[in-house]
Full PDB file with SEQRES, HELIX, SHEET, SSBOND, CRYST1, ORIGX, SCALE, CONECT and MASTER records, all heavy atoms in Angstrom:
SEQRES   1 A   35  THR ASN HIS CYS SER SER PRO TYR PRO LEU VAL CYS SER          
SEQRES   2 A   35  GLN GLU TRP LEU ASP SER LEU SER ASP ALA ASP ARG GLU          
SEQRES   3 A   35  LEU ILE ILE ASP GLY ILE HIS GLN MET                          
HELIX    1 AA1 GLN A   14  SER A   19  1                                   6    
HELIX    2 AA2 ASP A   22  GLN A   34  1                                  13    
CRYST1    1.000    1.000    1.000  90.00  90.00  90.00 P 1           1          
ORIGX1      1.000000  0.000000  0.000000        0.00000                         
ORIGX2      0.000000  1.000000  0.000000        0.00000                         
ORIGX3      0.000000  0.000000  1.000000        0.00000                         
SCALE1      1.000000  0.000000  0.000000        0.00000                         
SCALE2      0.000000  1.000000  0.000000        0.00000                         
SCALE3      0.000000  0.000000  1.000000        0.00000                         
ATOM      1  N   THR A   1      10.220  28.364  21.038  1.00  0.00           N  
ATOM      2  CA  THR A   1       9.872  29.310  19.973  1.00  0.00           C  
ATOM      3  C   THR A   1       8.486  29.047  19.396  1.00  0.00           C  
ATOM      4  O   THR A   1       7.838  29.962  18.894  1.00  0.00           O  
ATOM      5  CB  THR A   1      10.898  29.216  18.831  1.00  0.00           C  
ATOM      6  OG1 THR A   1      10.983  27.843  18.389  1.00  0.00           O  
ATOM      7  CG2 THR A   1      12.280  29.683  19.278  1.00  0.00           C  
ATOM      8  N   ASN A   2       8.048  27.775  19.398  1.00  0.00           N  
ATOM      9  CA  ASN A   2       6.765  27.391  18.786  1.00  0.00           C  
ATOM     10  C   ASN A   2       6.641  27.939  17.368  1.00  0.00           C  
ATOM     11  O   ASN A   2       5.579  28.399  16.949  1.00  0.00           O  
ATOM     12  CB  ASN A   2       5.588  27.880  19.640  1.00  0.00           C  
ATOM     13  CG  ASN A   2       5.413  27.101  20.916  1.00  0.00           C  
ATOM     14  OD1 ASN A   2       5.928  26.003  21.064  1.00  0.00           O  
ATOM     15  ND2 ASN A   2       4.699  27.679  21.868  1.00  0.00           N  
ATOM     16  N   HIS A   3       7.727  27.835  16.618  1.00  0.00           N  
ATOM     17  CA  HIS A   3       7.738  28.463  15.293  1.00  0.00           C  
ATOM     18  C   HIS A   3       6.994  27.656  14.228  1.00  0.00           C  
ATOM     19  O   HIS A   3       6.662  28.197  13.173  1.00  0.00           O  
ATOM     20  CB  HIS A   3       9.172  28.741  14.838  1.00  0.00           C  
ATOM     21  CG  HIS A   3      10.044  27.522  14.808  1.00  0.00           C  
ATOM     22  ND1 HIS A   3      10.708  27.054  15.920  1.00  0.00           N  
ATOM     23  CD2 HIS A   3      10.375  26.680  13.802  1.00  0.00           C  
ATOM     24  CE1 HIS A   3      11.407  25.989  15.604  1.00  0.00           C  
ATOM     25  NE2 HIS A   3      11.216  25.726  14.326  1.00  0.00           N  
ATOM     26  N   CYS A   4       6.746  26.372  14.498  1.00  0.00           N  
ATOM     27  CA  CYS A   4       5.952  25.557  13.571  1.00  0.00           C  
ATOM     28  C   CYS A   4       5.138  24.551  14.374  1.00  0.00           C  
ATOM     29  O   CYS A   4       5.574  24.077  15.425  1.00  0.00           O  
ATOM     30  CB  CYS A   4       6.841  24.794  12.589  1.00  0.00           C  
ATOM     31  SG  CYS A   4       7.471  25.764  11.211  1.00  0.00           S  
ATOM     32  N   SER A   5       3.971  24.178  13.856  1.00  0.00           N  
ATOM     33  CA  SER A   5       3.128  23.204  14.552  1.00  0.00           C  
ATOM     34  C   SER A   5       3.629  21.783  14.365  1.00  0.00           C  
ATOM     35  O   SER A   5       3.345  20.920  15.187  1.00  0.00           O  
ATOM     36  CB  SER A   5       1.678  23.317  14.074  1.00  0.00           C  
ATOM     37  OG  SER A   5       1.606  23.203  12.670  1.00  0.00           O  
ATOM     38  N   SER A   6       4.358  21.522  13.293  1.00  0.00           N  
ATOM     39  CA  SER A   6       5.082  20.267  13.103  1.00  0.00           C  
ATOM     40  C   SER A   6       4.260  19.008  13.299  1.00  0.00           C  
ATOM     41  O   SER A   6       4.559  18.178  14.162  1.00  0.00           O  
ATOM     42  CB  SER A   6       6.285  20.223  14.061  1.00  0.00           C  
ATOM     43  OG  SER A   6       7.095  19.099  13.812  1.00  0.00           O  
ATOM     44  N   PRO A   7       3.209  18.787  12.507  1.00  0.00           N  
ATOM     45  CA  PRO A   7       2.440  17.550  12.651  1.00  0.00           C  
ATOM     46  C   PRO A   7       3.188  16.361  12.064  1.00  0.00           C  
ATOM     47  O   PRO A   7       4.140  16.516  11.298  1.00  0.00           O  
ATOM     48  CB  PRO A   7       1.181  17.851  11.842  1.00  0.00           C  
ATOM     49  CG  PRO A   7       1.662  18.786  10.768  1.00  0.00           C  
ATOM     50  CD  PRO A   7       2.698  19.647  11.433  1.00  0.00           C  
ATOM     51  N   TYR A   8       2.760  15.183  12.445  1.00  0.00           N  
ATOM     52  CA  TYR A   8       3.255  13.934  11.864  1.00  0.00           C  
ATOM     53  C   TYR A   8       2.141  13.343  10.998  1.00  0.00           C  
ATOM     54  O   TYR A   8       1.272  12.618  11.505  1.00  0.00           O  
ATOM     55  CB  TYR A   8       3.585  12.935  12.962  1.00  0.00           C  
ATOM     56  CG  TYR A   8       4.995  12.942  13.501  1.00  0.00           C  
ATOM     57  CD1 TYR A   8       5.346  12.053  14.511  1.00  0.00           C  
ATOM     58  CD2 TYR A   8       5.973  13.803  13.013  1.00  0.00           C  
ATOM     59  CE1 TYR A   8       6.630  12.021  15.027  1.00  0.00           C  
ATOM     60  CE2 TYR A   8       7.254  13.783  13.524  1.00  0.00           C  
ATOM     61  CZ  TYR A   8       7.586  12.890  14.539  1.00  0.00           C  
ATOM     62  OH  TYR A   8       8.855  12.857  15.051  1.00  0.00           O  
ATOM     63  N   PRO A   9       2.104  13.603   9.701  1.00  0.00           N  
ATOM     64  CA  PRO A   9       1.108  12.946   8.853  1.00  0.00           C  
ATOM     65  C   PRO A   9       1.325  11.432   8.864  1.00  0.00           C  
ATOM     66  O   PRO A   9       2.466  10.967   8.743  1.00  0.00           O  
ATOM     67  CB  PRO A   9       1.393  13.530   7.457  1.00  0.00           C  
ATOM     68  CG  PRO A   9       2.181  14.775   7.703  1.00  0.00           C  
ATOM     69  CD  PRO A   9       2.971  14.522   8.941  1.00  0.00           C  
ATOM     70  N   LEU A  10       0.254  10.689   9.022  1.00  0.00           N  
ATOM     71  CA  LEU A  10       0.304   9.228   8.925  1.00  0.00           C  
ATOM     72  C   LEU A  10      -0.154   8.872   7.515  1.00  0.00           C  
ATOM     73  O   LEU A  10      -1.341   8.976   7.198  1.00  0.00           O  
ATOM     74  CB  LEU A  10      -0.595   8.579   9.969  1.00  0.00           C  
ATOM     75  CG  LEU A  10      -0.652   7.050   9.957  1.00  0.00           C  
ATOM     76  CD1 LEU A  10       0.715   6.442  10.251  1.00  0.00           C  
ATOM     77  CD2 LEU A  10      -1.669   6.531  10.956  1.00  0.00           C  
ATOM     78  N   VAL A  11       0.787   8.478   6.666  1.00  0.00           N  
ATOM     79  CA  VAL A  11       0.480   8.270   5.252  1.00  0.00           C  
ATOM     80  C   VAL A  11       0.594   6.807   4.868  1.00  0.00           C  
ATOM     81  O   VAL A  11       1.379   6.045   5.440  1.00  0.00           O  
ATOM     82  CB  VAL A  11       1.400   9.108   4.340  1.00  0.00           C  
ATOM     83  CG1 VAL A  11       1.225  10.593   4.602  1.00  0.00           C  
ATOM     84  CG2 VAL A  11       2.864   8.714   4.506  1.00  0.00           C  
ATOM     85  N   CYS A  12      -0.219   6.456   3.886  1.00  0.00           N  
ATOM     86  CA  CYS A  12      -0.150   5.130   3.282  1.00  0.00           C  
ATOM     87  C   CYS A  12      -0.190   5.312   1.769  1.00  0.00           C  
ATOM     88  O   CYS A  12      -0.350   6.422   1.261  1.00  0.00           O  
ATOM     89  CB  CYS A  12      -1.302   4.254   3.742  1.00  0.00           C  
ATOM     90  SG  CYS A  12      -2.932   4.802   3.173  1.00  0.00           S  
ATOM     91  N   SER A  13      -0.059   4.226   1.069  1.00  0.00           N  
ATOM     92  CA  SER A  13      -0.213   4.248  -0.382  1.00  0.00           C  
ATOM     93  C   SER A  13      -1.697   4.305  -0.738  1.00  0.00           C  
ATOM     94  O   SER A  13      -2.491   3.533  -0.202  1.00  0.00           O  
ATOM     95  CB  SER A  13       0.422   2.998  -0.988  1.00  0.00           C  
ATOM     96  OG  SER A  13      -0.082   2.736  -2.281  1.00  0.00           O  
ATOM     97  N   GLN A  14      -2.057   5.202  -1.639  1.00  0.00           N  
ATOM     98  CA  GLN A  14      -3.443   5.276  -2.082  1.00  0.00           C  
ATOM     99  C   GLN A  14      -3.862   3.959  -2.723  1.00  0.00           C  
ATOM    100  O   GLN A  14      -4.997   3.489  -2.541  1.00  0.00           O  
ATOM    101  CB  GLN A  14      -3.611   6.413  -3.090  1.00  0.00           C  
ATOM    102  CG  GLN A  14      -5.028   6.598  -3.610  1.00  0.00           C  
ATOM    103  CD  GLN A  14      -5.973   7.111  -2.546  1.00  0.00           C  
ATOM    104  OE1 GLN A  14      -5.796   8.204  -2.026  1.00  0.00           O  
ATOM    105  NE2 GLN A  14      -7.001   6.333  -2.218  1.00  0.00           N  
ATOM    106  N   GLU A  15      -2.946   3.334  -3.416  1.00  0.00           N  
ATOM    107  CA  GLU A  15      -3.264   2.057  -4.076  1.00  0.00           C  
ATOM    108  C   GLU A  15      -3.551   0.972  -3.042  1.00  0.00           C  
ATOM    109  O   GLU A  15      -4.471   0.168  -3.211  1.00  0.00           O  
ATOM    110  CB  GLU A  15      -2.101   1.630  -4.976  1.00  0.00           C  
ATOM    111  CG  GLU A  15      -2.374   0.355  -5.749  1.00  0.00           C  
ATOM    112  CD  GLU A  15      -1.296   0.027  -6.759  1.00  0.00           C  
ATOM    113  OE1 GLU A  15      -0.462   0.902  -7.039  1.00  0.00           O  
ATOM    114  OE2 GLU A  15      -1.295  -1.112  -7.255  1.00  0.00           O  
ATOM    115  N   TRP A  16      -2.743   0.938  -1.980  1.00  0.00           N  
ATOM    116  CA  TRP A  16      -2.993  -0.054  -0.922  1.00  0.00           C  
ATOM    117  C   TRP A  16      -4.351   0.186  -0.270  1.00  0.00           C  
ATOM    118  O   TRP A  16      -5.113  -0.749  -0.052  1.00  0.00           O  
ATOM    119  CB  TRP A  16      -1.892   0.021   0.142  1.00  0.00           C  
ATOM    120  CG  TRP A  16      -2.179  -0.866   1.324  1.00  0.00           C  
ATOM    121  CD1 TRP A  16      -1.945  -2.220   1.410  1.00  0.00           C  
ATOM    122  CD2 TRP A  16      -2.796  -0.492   2.552  1.00  0.00           C  
ATOM    123  NE1 TRP A  16      -2.378  -2.701   2.628  1.00  0.00           N  
ATOM    124  CE2 TRP A  16      -2.901  -1.665   3.358  1.00  0.00           C  
ATOM    125  CE3 TRP A  16      -3.266   0.717   3.074  1.00  0.00           C  
ATOM    126  CZ2 TRP A  16      -3.449  -1.652   4.638  1.00  0.00           C  
ATOM    127  CZ3 TRP A  16      -3.809   0.738   4.352  1.00  0.00           C  
ATOM    128  CH2 TRP A  16      -3.902  -0.434   5.123  1.00  0.00           C  
ATOM    129  N   LEU A  17      -4.656   1.447   0.014  1.00  0.00           N  
ATOM    130  CA  LEU A  17      -5.926   1.776   0.649  1.00  0.00           C  
ATOM    131  C   LEU A  17      -7.089   1.349  -0.240  1.00  0.00           C  
ATOM    132  O   LEU A  17      -8.086   0.789   0.235  1.00  0.00           O  
ATOM    133  CB  LEU A  17      -5.995   3.275   0.939  1.00  0.00           C  
ATOM    134  CG  LEU A  17      -7.101   3.755   1.873  1.00  0.00           C  
ATOM    135  CD1 LEU A  17      -6.914   3.172   3.268  1.00  0.00           C  
ATOM    136  CD2 LEU A  17      -7.116   5.278   1.935  1.00  0.00           C  
ATOM    137  N   ASP A  18      -6.968   1.601  -1.537  1.00  0.00           N  
ATOM    138  CA  ASP A  18      -8.026   1.235  -2.472  1.00  0.00           C  
ATOM    139  C   ASP A  18      -8.168  -0.275  -2.617  1.00  0.00           C  
ATOM    140  O   ASP A  18      -9.227  -0.768  -3.028  1.00  0.00           O  
ATOM    141  CB  ASP A  18      -7.747   1.852  -3.848  1.00  0.00           C  
ATOM    142  CG  ASP A  18      -7.888   3.365  -3.845  1.00  0.00           C  
ATOM    143  OD1 ASP A  18      -8.496   3.913  -2.908  1.00  0.00           O  
ATOM    144  OD2 ASP A  18      -7.356   4.008  -4.785  1.00  0.00           O  
ATOM    145  N   SER A  19      -7.106  -1.029  -2.306  1.00  0.00           N  
ATOM    146  CA  SER A  19      -7.147  -2.485  -2.467  1.00  0.00           C  
ATOM    147  C   SER A  19      -7.956  -3.176  -1.375  1.00  0.00           C  
ATOM    148  O   SER A  19      -8.335  -4.336  -1.518  1.00  0.00           O  
ATOM    149  CB  SER A  19      -5.721  -3.058  -2.470  1.00  0.00           C  
ATOM    150  OG  SER A  19      -5.182  -3.093  -1.154  1.00  0.00           O  
ATOM    151  N   LEU A  20      -8.226  -2.473  -0.284  1.00  0.00           N  
ATOM    152  CA  LEU A  20      -8.940  -3.071   0.842  1.00  0.00           C  
ATOM    153  C   LEU A  20     -10.434  -3.199   0.543  1.00  0.00           C  
ATOM    154  O   LEU A  20     -10.994  -2.412  -0.224  1.00  0.00           O  
ATOM    155  CB  LEU A  20      -8.761  -2.215   2.097  1.00  0.00           C  
ATOM    156  CG  LEU A  20      -7.335  -2.019   2.617  1.00  0.00           C  
ATOM    157  CD1 LEU A  20      -7.327  -0.982   3.735  1.00  0.00           C  
ATOM    158  CD2 LEU A  20      -6.734  -3.336   3.094  1.00  0.00           C  
ATOM    159  N   SER A  21     -11.049  -4.158   1.163  1.00  0.00           N  
ATOM    160  CA  SER A  21     -12.503  -4.240   1.081  1.00  0.00           C  
ATOM    161  C   SER A  21     -13.094  -3.043   1.823  1.00  0.00           C  
ATOM    162  O   SER A  21     -12.432  -2.427   2.674  1.00  0.00           O  
ATOM    163  CB  SER A  21     -13.008  -5.535   1.729  1.00  0.00           C  
ATOM    164  OG  SER A  21     -12.802  -5.503   3.137  1.00  0.00           O  
ATOM    165  N   ASP A  22     -14.333  -2.707   1.528  1.00  0.00           N  
ATOM    166  CA  ASP A  22     -14.968  -1.564   2.191  1.00  0.00           C  
ATOM    167  C   ASP A  22     -14.990  -1.744   3.701  1.00  0.00           C  
ATOM    168  O   ASP A  22     -14.722  -0.807   4.464  1.00  0.00           O  
ATOM    169  CB  ASP A  22     -16.398  -1.374   1.665  1.00  0.00           C  
ATOM    170  CG  ASP A  22     -16.435  -0.900   0.223  1.00  0.00           C  
ATOM    171  OD1 ASP A  22     -15.390  -0.424  -0.276  1.00  0.00           O  
ATOM    172  OD2 ASP A  22     -17.505  -0.998  -0.401  1.00  0.00           O  
ATOM    173  N   ALA A  23     -15.299  -2.950   4.149  1.00  0.00           N  
ATOM    174  CA  ALA A  23     -15.405  -3.203   5.580  1.00  0.00           C  
ATOM    175  C   ALA A  23     -14.052  -3.077   6.274  1.00  0.00           C  
ATOM    176  O   ALA A  23     -13.932  -2.471   7.343  1.00  0.00           O  
ATOM    177  CB  ALA A  23     -15.987  -4.597   5.823  1.00  0.00           C  
ATOM    178  N   ASP A  24     -13.009  -3.653   5.646  1.00  0.00           N  
ATOM    179  CA  ASP A  24     -11.679  -3.564   6.247  1.00  0.00           C  
ATOM    180  C   ASP A  24     -11.167  -2.128   6.249  1.00  0.00           C  
ATOM    181  O   ASP A  24     -10.554  -1.675   7.220  1.00  0.00           O  
ATOM    182  CB  ASP A  24     -10.700  -4.459   5.496  1.00  0.00           C  
ATOM    183  CG  ASP A  24     -10.877  -5.933   5.827  1.00  0.00           C  
ATOM    184  OD1 ASP A  24     -11.562  -6.231   6.825  1.00  0.00           O  
ATOM    185  OD2 ASP A  24     -10.335  -6.782   5.088  1.00  0.00           O  
ATOM    186  N   ARG A  25     -11.422  -1.425   5.150  1.00  0.00           N  
ATOM    187  CA  ARG A  25     -10.972  -0.035   5.070  1.00  0.00           C  
ATOM    188  C   ARG A  25     -11.625   0.798   6.166  1.00  0.00           C  
ATOM    189  O   ARG A  25     -10.956   1.589   6.850  1.00  0.00           O  
ATOM    190  CB  ARG A  25     -11.290   0.559   3.698  1.00  0.00           C  
ATOM    191  CG  ARG A  25     -10.691   1.957   3.482  1.00  0.00           C  
ATOM    192  CD  ARG A  25     -11.133   2.568   2.160  1.00  0.00           C  
ATOM    193  NE  ARG A  25     -10.894   1.662   1.056  1.00  0.00           N  
ATOM    194  CZ  ARG A  25     -11.842   1.069   0.351  1.00  0.00           C  
ATOM    195  NH1 ARG A  25     -13.131   1.290   0.657  1.00  0.00           N  
ATOM    196  NH2 ARG A  25     -11.544   0.266  -0.640  1.00  0.00           N  
ATOM    197  N   GLU A  26     -12.908   0.623   6.343  1.00  0.00           N  
ATOM    198  CA  GLU A  26     -13.628   1.386   7.366  1.00  0.00           C  
ATOM    199  C   GLU A  26     -13.105   1.064   8.767  1.00  0.00           C  
ATOM    200  O   GLU A  26     -12.901   1.965   9.581  1.00  0.00           O  
ATOM    201  CB  GLU A  26     -15.124   1.082   7.288  1.00  0.00           C  
ATOM    202  CG  GLU A  26     -15.969   1.859   8.292  1.00  0.00           C  
ATOM    203  CD  GLU A  26     -17.457   1.566   8.164  1.00  0.00           C  
ATOM    204  OE1 GLU A  26     -17.853   0.841   7.229  1.00  0.00           O  
ATOM    205  OE2 GLU A  26     -18.228   2.074   9.015  1.00  0.00           O  
ATOM    206  N   LEU A  27     -12.878  -0.208   9.032  1.00  0.00           N  
ATOM    207  CA  LEU A  27     -12.384  -0.621  10.349  1.00  0.00           C  
ATOM    208  C   LEU A  27     -10.998  -0.060  10.615  1.00  0.00           C  
ATOM    209  O   LEU A  27     -10.717   0.474  11.693  1.00  0.00           O  
ATOM    210  CB  LEU A  27     -12.345  -2.148  10.433  1.00  0.00           C  
ATOM    211  CG  LEU A  27     -11.765  -2.731  11.727  1.00  0.00           C  
ATOM    212  CD1 LEU A  27     -12.644  -2.368  12.918  1.00  0.00           C  
ATOM    213  CD2 LEU A  27     -11.606  -4.247  11.603  1.00  0.00           C  
ATOM    214  N   ILE A  28     -10.107  -0.179   9.643  1.00  0.00           N  
ATOM    215  CA  ILE A  28      -8.727   0.285   9.819  1.00  0.00           C  
ATOM    216  C   ILE A  28      -8.676   1.800   9.991  1.00  0.00           C  
ATOM    217  O   ILE A  28      -7.986   2.313  10.890  1.00  0.00           O  
ATOM    218  CB  ILE A  28      -7.859  -0.160   8.622  1.00  0.00           C  
ATOM    219  CG1 ILE A  28      -7.676  -1.686   8.653  1.00  0.00           C  
ATOM    220  CG2 ILE A  28      -6.507   0.543   8.637  1.00  0.00           C  
ATOM    221  CD1 ILE A  28      -7.065  -2.256   7.388  1.00  0.00           C  
ATOM    222  N   ILE A  29      -9.412   2.529   9.174  1.00  0.00           N  
ATOM    223  CA  ILE A  29      -9.401   3.988   9.270  1.00  0.00           C  
ATOM    224  C   ILE A  29      -9.992   4.450  10.596  1.00  0.00           C  
ATOM    225  O   ILE A  29      -9.464   5.369  11.247  1.00  0.00           O  
ATOM    226  CB  ILE A  29     -10.153   4.615   8.077  1.00  0.00           C  
ATOM    227  CG1 ILE A  29      -9.318   4.433   6.795  1.00  0.00           C  
ATOM    228  CG2 ILE A  29     -10.432   6.093   8.322  1.00  0.00           C  
ATOM    229  CD1 ILE A  29      -9.985   4.963   5.544  1.00  0.00           C  
ATOM    230  N   ASP A  30     -11.073   3.799  11.027  1.00  0.00           N  
ATOM    231  CA  ASP A  30     -11.661   4.157  12.318  1.00  0.00           C  
ATOM    232  C   ASP A  30     -10.662   3.907  13.453  1.00  0.00           C  
ATOM    233  O   ASP A  30     -10.521   4.724  14.376  1.00  0.00           O  
ATOM    234  CB  ASP A  30     -12.941   3.364  12.557  1.00  0.00           C  
ATOM    235  CG  ASP A  30     -13.554   3.662  13.914  1.00  0.00           C  
ATOM    236  OD1 ASP A  30     -14.010   4.804  14.129  1.00  0.00           O  
ATOM    237  OD2 ASP A  30     -13.570   2.759  14.780  1.00  0.00           O  
ATOM    238  N   GLY A  31      -9.963   2.779  13.385  1.00  0.00           N  
ATOM    239  CA  GLY A  31      -8.971   2.476  14.400  1.00  0.00           C  
ATOM    240  C   GLY A  31      -7.842   3.494  14.415  1.00  0.00           C  
ATOM    241  O   GLY A  31      -7.365   3.910  15.480  1.00  0.00           O  
ATOM    242  N   ILE A  32      -7.423   3.922  13.244  1.00  0.00           N  
ATOM    243  CA  ILE A  32      -6.352   4.915  13.150  1.00  0.00           C  
ATOM    244  C   ILE A  32      -6.803   6.256  13.712  1.00  0.00           C  
ATOM    245  O   ILE A  32      -6.034   6.950  14.401  1.00  0.00           O  
ATOM    246  CB  ILE A  32      -5.872   5.046  11.694  1.00  0.00           C  
ATOM    247  CG1 ILE A  32      -5.074   3.793  11.314  1.00  0.00           C  
ATOM    248  CG2 ILE A  32      -5.027   6.302  11.496  1.00  0.00           C  
ATOM    249  CD1 ILE A  32      -4.685   3.718   9.861  1.00  0.00           C  
ATOM    250  N   HIS A  33      -8.041   6.650  13.437  1.00  0.00           N  
ATOM    251  CA  HIS A  33      -8.550   7.910  14.010  1.00  0.00           C  
ATOM    252  C   HIS A  33      -8.543   7.851  15.545  1.00  0.00           C  
ATOM    253  O   HIS A  33      -8.177   8.830  16.215  1.00  0.00           O  
ATOM    254  CB  HIS A  33      -9.963   8.186  13.504  1.00  0.00           C  
ATOM    255  CG  HIS A  33     -10.024   8.624  12.074  1.00  0.00           C  
ATOM    256  ND1 HIS A  33      -9.033   9.372  11.476  1.00  0.00           N  
ATOM    257  CD2 HIS A  33     -10.990   8.445  11.113  1.00  0.00           C  
ATOM    258  CE1 HIS A  33      -9.361   9.614  10.212  1.00  0.00           C  
ATOM    259  NE2 HIS A  33     -10.538   9.058   9.977  1.00  0.00           N  
ATOM    260  N   GLN A  34      -8.946   6.703  16.094  1.00  0.00           N  
ATOM    261  CA  GLN A  34      -8.922   6.559  17.550  1.00  0.00           C  
ATOM    262  C   GLN A  34      -7.490   6.606  18.084  1.00  0.00           C  
ATOM    263  O   GLN A  34      -7.206   7.248  19.102  1.00  0.00           O  
ATOM    264  CB  GLN A  34      -9.571   5.241  17.955  1.00  0.00           C  
ATOM    265  CG  GLN A  34     -11.073   5.167  17.697  1.00  0.00           C  
ATOM    266  CD  GLN A  34     -11.663   3.882  18.250  1.00  0.00           C  
ATOM    267  OE1 GLN A  34     -11.484   3.562  19.429  1.00  0.00           O  
ATOM    268  NE2 GLN A  34     -12.346   3.130  17.400  1.00  0.00           N  
ATOM    269  N   MET A  35      -6.603   5.925  17.393  1.00  0.00           N  
ATOM    270  CA  MET A  35      -5.188   5.909  17.777  1.00  0.00           C  
ATOM    271  C   MET A  35      -4.612   7.314  17.808  1.00  0.00           C  
ATOM    272  O   MET A  35      -3.959   7.725  18.771  1.00  0.00           O  
ATOM    273  CB  MET A  35      -4.418   5.045  16.771  1.00  0.00           C  
ATOM    274  CG  MET A  35      -2.918   5.291  16.713  1.00  0.00           C  
ATOM    275  SD  MET A  35      -2.199   4.576  15.204  1.00  0.00           S  
ATOM    276  CE  MET A  35      -0.587   5.342  15.201  1.00  0.00           C  
TER     277      MET A  35                                                      
MASTER        0    0    0    2    0    0    0    6  276    1    0    3          
END                                                                             
């Protein structure tokens, strides 16, 4: 039927994301985009 596109959002806590150093955040997010 293809009635919905049905994505899987990959979510985290905004607080956890903000707790990371800039370098770690950038590395992790880049890795997730590649994944």
